[in-house]
Structures are given as structure tokens and as C-alpha cells.
C-alpha atoms as a PDB file:
ATOM      1  CA  UNK A   1      98.955 101.186  87.174  1.00  0.00           C
ATOM      2  CA  UNK A   2      97.497  97.939  86.060  1.00  0.00           C
ATOM      3  CA  UNK A   3      94.001  97.289  84.819  1.00  0.00           C
ATOM      4  CA  UNK A   4      91.925  94.479  86.247  1.00  0.00           C
ATOM      5  CA  UNK A   5      90.596  93.964  82.699  1.00  0.00           C
ATOM      6  CA  UNK A   6      92.216  91.909  79.959  1.00  0.00           C
ATOM      7  CA  UNK A   7      93.538  94.236  77.256  1.00  0.00           C
ATOM      8  CA  UNK A   8      91.674  94.390  73.949  1.00  0.00           C
ATOM      9  CA  UNK A   9      94.869  93.143  72.299  1.00  0.00           C
ATOM     10  CA  UNK A  10      94.719  89.892  74.295  1.00  0.00           C
ATOM     11  CA  UNK A  11      90.963  89.683  74.860  1.00  0.00           C
ATOM     12  CA  UNK A  12      90.786  86.141  73.511  1.00  0.00           C
ATOM     13  CA  UNK A  13      93.261  84.895  76.144  1.00  0.00           C
ATOM     14  CA  UNK A  14      93.080  85.061  79.929  1.00  0.00           C
ATOM     15  CA  UNK A  15      96.178  86.413  81.703  1.00  0.00           C
ATOM     16  CA  UNK A  16      98.793  83.724  82.291  1.00  0.00           C
ATOM     17  CA  UNK A  17      99.440  84.987  85.824  1.00  0.00           C
ATOM     18  CA  UNK A  18      96.836  86.222  88.316  1.00  0.00           C
ATOM     19  CA  UNK A  19      96.580  89.959  88.951  1.00  0.00           C
ATOM     20  CA  UNK A  20      98.167  89.722  92.418  1.00  0.00           C
ATOM     21  CA  UNK A  21     101.217  87.959  90.976  1.00  0.00           C
ATOM     22  CA  UNK A  22     101.623  90.535  88.193  1.00  0.00           C
ATOM     23  CA  UNK A  23     101.393  93.376  90.734  1.00  0.00           C
ATOM     24  CA  UNK A  24     103.984  91.672  92.926  1.00  0.00           C
ATOM     25  CA  UNK A  25     106.447  91.250  90.046  1.00  0.00           C
ATOM     26  CA  UNK A  26     106.127  94.885  88.938  1.00  0.00           C
ATOM     27  CA  UNK A  27     106.408  96.114  92.537  1.00  0.00           C
ATOM     28  CA  UNK A  28     109.694  94.243  92.929  1.00  0.00           C
ATOM     29  CA  UNK A  29     111.356  96.216  90.121  1.00  0.00           C
ATOM     30  CA  UNK A  30     113.724  98.888  91.428  1.00  0.00           C
ATOM     31  CA  UNK A  31     112.615 101.346  88.736  1.00  0.00           C
ATOM     32  CA  UNK A  32     108.935 101.122  89.797  1.00  0.00           C
ATOM     33  CA  UNK A  33     107.812 103.543  92.519  1.00  0.00           C
ATOM     34  CA  UNK A  34     104.324 102.102  92.972  1.00  0.00           C
ATOM     35  CA  UNK A  35     101.741  99.845  91.354  1.00  0.00           C
ATOM     36  CA  UNK A  36      98.077 100.812  91.438  1.00  0.00           C
ATOM     37  CA  UNK A  37      95.231  98.689  90.105  1.00  0.00           C
ATOM     38  CA  UNK A  38      92.282 100.357  88.394  1.00  0.00           C
ATOM     39  CA  UNK A  39      88.943  98.917  87.326  1.00  0.00           C
ATOM     40  CA  UNK A  40      87.799 101.533  84.791  1.00  0.00           C
ATOM     41  CA  UNK A  41      88.079 101.319  80.986  1.00  0.00           C
ATOM     42  CA  UNK A  42      90.944 103.828  81.028  1.00  0.00           C
ATOM     43  CA  UNK A  43      93.367 104.938  83.766  1.00  0.00           C
ATOM     44  CA  UNK A  44      92.573 108.645  83.371  1.00  0.00           C
ATOM     45  CA  UNK A  45      90.930 109.166  86.790  1.00  0.00           C
ATOM     46  CA  UNK A  46      93.794 107.501  88.639  1.00  0.00           C
ATOM     47  CA  UNK A  47      96.400 109.300  86.522  1.00  0.00           C
ATOM     48  CA  UNK A  48      94.764 112.637  87.357  1.00  0.00           C
ATOM     49  CA  UNK A  49      94.907 111.781  91.069  1.00  0.00           C
ATOM     50  CA  UNK A  50      98.509 110.512  91.068  1.00  0.00           C
ATOM     51  CA  UNK A  51      99.971 112.822  88.372  1.00  0.00           C
ATOM     52  CA  UNK A  52     102.949 110.609  87.472  1.00  0.00           C
ATOM     53  CA  UNK A  53     105.887 112.039  85.549  1.00  0.00           C
ATOM     54  CA  UNK A  54     106.248 108.826  83.523  1.00  0.00           C
ATOM     55  CA  UNK A  55     103.493 106.492  82.322  1.00  0.00           C
ATOM     56  CA  UNK A  56     104.772 103.326  80.648  1.00  0.00           C
ATOM     57  CA  UNK A  57     102.750 101.345  78.123  1.00  0.00           C
ATOM     58  CA  UNK A  58     103.479  98.304  76.010  1.00  0.00           C
ATOM     59  CA  UNK A  59     104.566  98.875  72.434  1.00  0.00           C
ATOM     60  CA  UNK A  60     101.327  97.462  71.061  1.00  0.00           C
ATOM     61  CA  UNK A  61      99.881 100.954  71.598  1.00  0.00           C
ATOM     62  CA  UNK A  62     100.724 104.076  69.609  1.00  0.00           C
ATOM     63  CA  UNK A  63     101.302 107.327  71.521  1.00  0.00           C
ATOM     64  CA  UNK A  64      98.609 109.187  69.624  1.00  0.00           C
ATOM     65  CA  UNK A  65      96.141 106.373  70.331  1.00  0.00           C
ATOM     66  CA  UNK A  66      96.466 106.728  74.101  1.00  0.00           C
ATOM     67  CA  UNK A  67      93.437 108.618  75.411  1.00  0.00           C
ATOM     68  CA  UNK A  68      95.461 109.546  78.491  1.00  0.00           C
ATOM     69  CA  UNK A  69      98.340 111.192  76.547  1.00  0.00           C
ATOM     70  CA  UNK A  70      96.743 114.667  76.573  1.00  0.00           C
ATOM     71  CA  UNK A  71      96.024 114.355  80.298  1.00  0.00           C
ATOM     72  CA  UNK A  72      99.672 113.544  81.075  1.00  0.00           C
ATOM     73  CA  UNK A  73     100.807 116.613  79.147  1.00  0.00           C
ATOM     74  CA  UNK A  74      98.720 118.856  81.449  1.00  0.00           C
ATOM     75  CA  UNK A  75     101.327 118.504  84.222  1.00  0.00           C
ATOM     76  CA  UNK A  76     104.365 117.750  82.069  1.00  0.00           C
ATOM     77  CA  UNK A  77     104.082 113.983  82.346  1.00  0.00           C
ATOM     78  CA  UNK A  78     104.966 111.746  79.451  1.00  0.00           C
ATOM     79  CA  UNK A  79     103.912 108.416  78.055  1.00  0.00           C
ATOM     80  CA  UNK A  80     106.774 106.043  77.279  1.00  0.00           C
ATOM     81  CA  UNK A  81     106.093 103.144  74.946  1.00  0.00           C
ATOM     82  CA  UNK A  82     108.196 100.030  75.421  1.00  0.00           C
ATOM     83  CA  UNK A  83     109.212  98.240  72.237  1.00  0.00           C
ATOM     84  CA  UNK A  84     106.888  95.487  71.130  1.00  0.00           C
ATOM     85  CA  UNK A  85     108.786  92.212  70.853  1.00  0.00           C
ATOM     86  CA  UNK A  86     107.173  90.027  68.216  1.00  0.00           C
ATOM     87  CA  UNK A  87     106.487  86.531  69.504  1.00  0.00           C
ATOM     88  CA  UNK A  88     107.237  87.459  73.125  1.00  0.00           C
ATOM     89  CA  UNK A  89     103.708  88.184  74.322  1.00  0.00           C
ATOM     90  CA  UNK A  90     101.839  85.950  76.747  1.00  0.00           C
ATOM     91  CA  UNK A  91      99.325  85.364  73.937  1.00  0.00           C
ATOM     92  CA  UNK A  92     102.130  83.978  71.740  1.00  0.00           C
ATOM     93  CA  UNK A  93     103.463  81.900  74.649  1.00  0.00           C
ATOM     94  CA  UNK A  94     100.068  80.297  75.258  1.00  0.00           C
ATOM     95  CA  UNK A  95      99.721  79.583  71.522  1.00  0.00           C
ATOM     96  CA  UNK A  96     103.131  77.850  71.462  1.00  0.00           C
ATOM     97  CA  UNK A  97     102.213  75.765  74.520  1.00  0.00           C
ATOM     98  CA  UNK A  98      98.907  74.748  72.947  1.00  0.00           C
ATOM     99  CA  UNK A  99     100.645  73.787  69.700  1.00  0.00           C
ATOM    100  CA  UNK A 100     103.140  71.653  71.593  1.00  0.00           C
ATOM    101  CA  UNK A 101     100.350  69.917  73.509  1.00  0.00           C
ATOM    102  CA  UNK A 102      98.808  68.508  70.337  1.00  0.00           C
END
């Protein structure tokens, strides 16, 4: 699932790639069963409808901070946090490009 909103972590920077492109890239991954876009503040409604076994989030979140973690546990689902790679975010990429443009 992918939010149409810019994350609070990167709120000062628009996404580098349009939503349709990001959905297409994720959909092409063999390990991804489906990509759903949601427009709410949290994905809880869509998670409750789809009941995924695995919910993957970026490492800039902490498991206990995920409001949807308790919901996932209701059906035995789990949240998996990918490691955060310092300096590898799109926010950092845009900053490096802007620095180089000066």
C-alpha cells in the first residue's frame, strides 16, 4: 500500500517520482503481491480489508510507533521495518542535486 500523501518525514520535499511511477516500480518486484494506494492519514481501513500477512515500512519508523501494528496482530500479520540507509533517501538525493547546482 502506498499513500497519496507525502510522508511527514519528507514533508518539505515533493516526491521525486510521480505516484503512478512509484506504484509501477513496486508492482514489478517479484516479492510484491499487490500495490494499493490509499488516501487516508493511515492505512488502517485498507489493511483491515486486505488483511496482509506482511506489512513493510521504511526504517524511519519504529514498530511501536506504527498505529497499524496492533491491527496487524489481530489476524497474525506482522510489520517488517526495512533498515534505514543514511544518506540514501530521496530527500538526501534532492539535497545533493541542489548543492551541486550552485
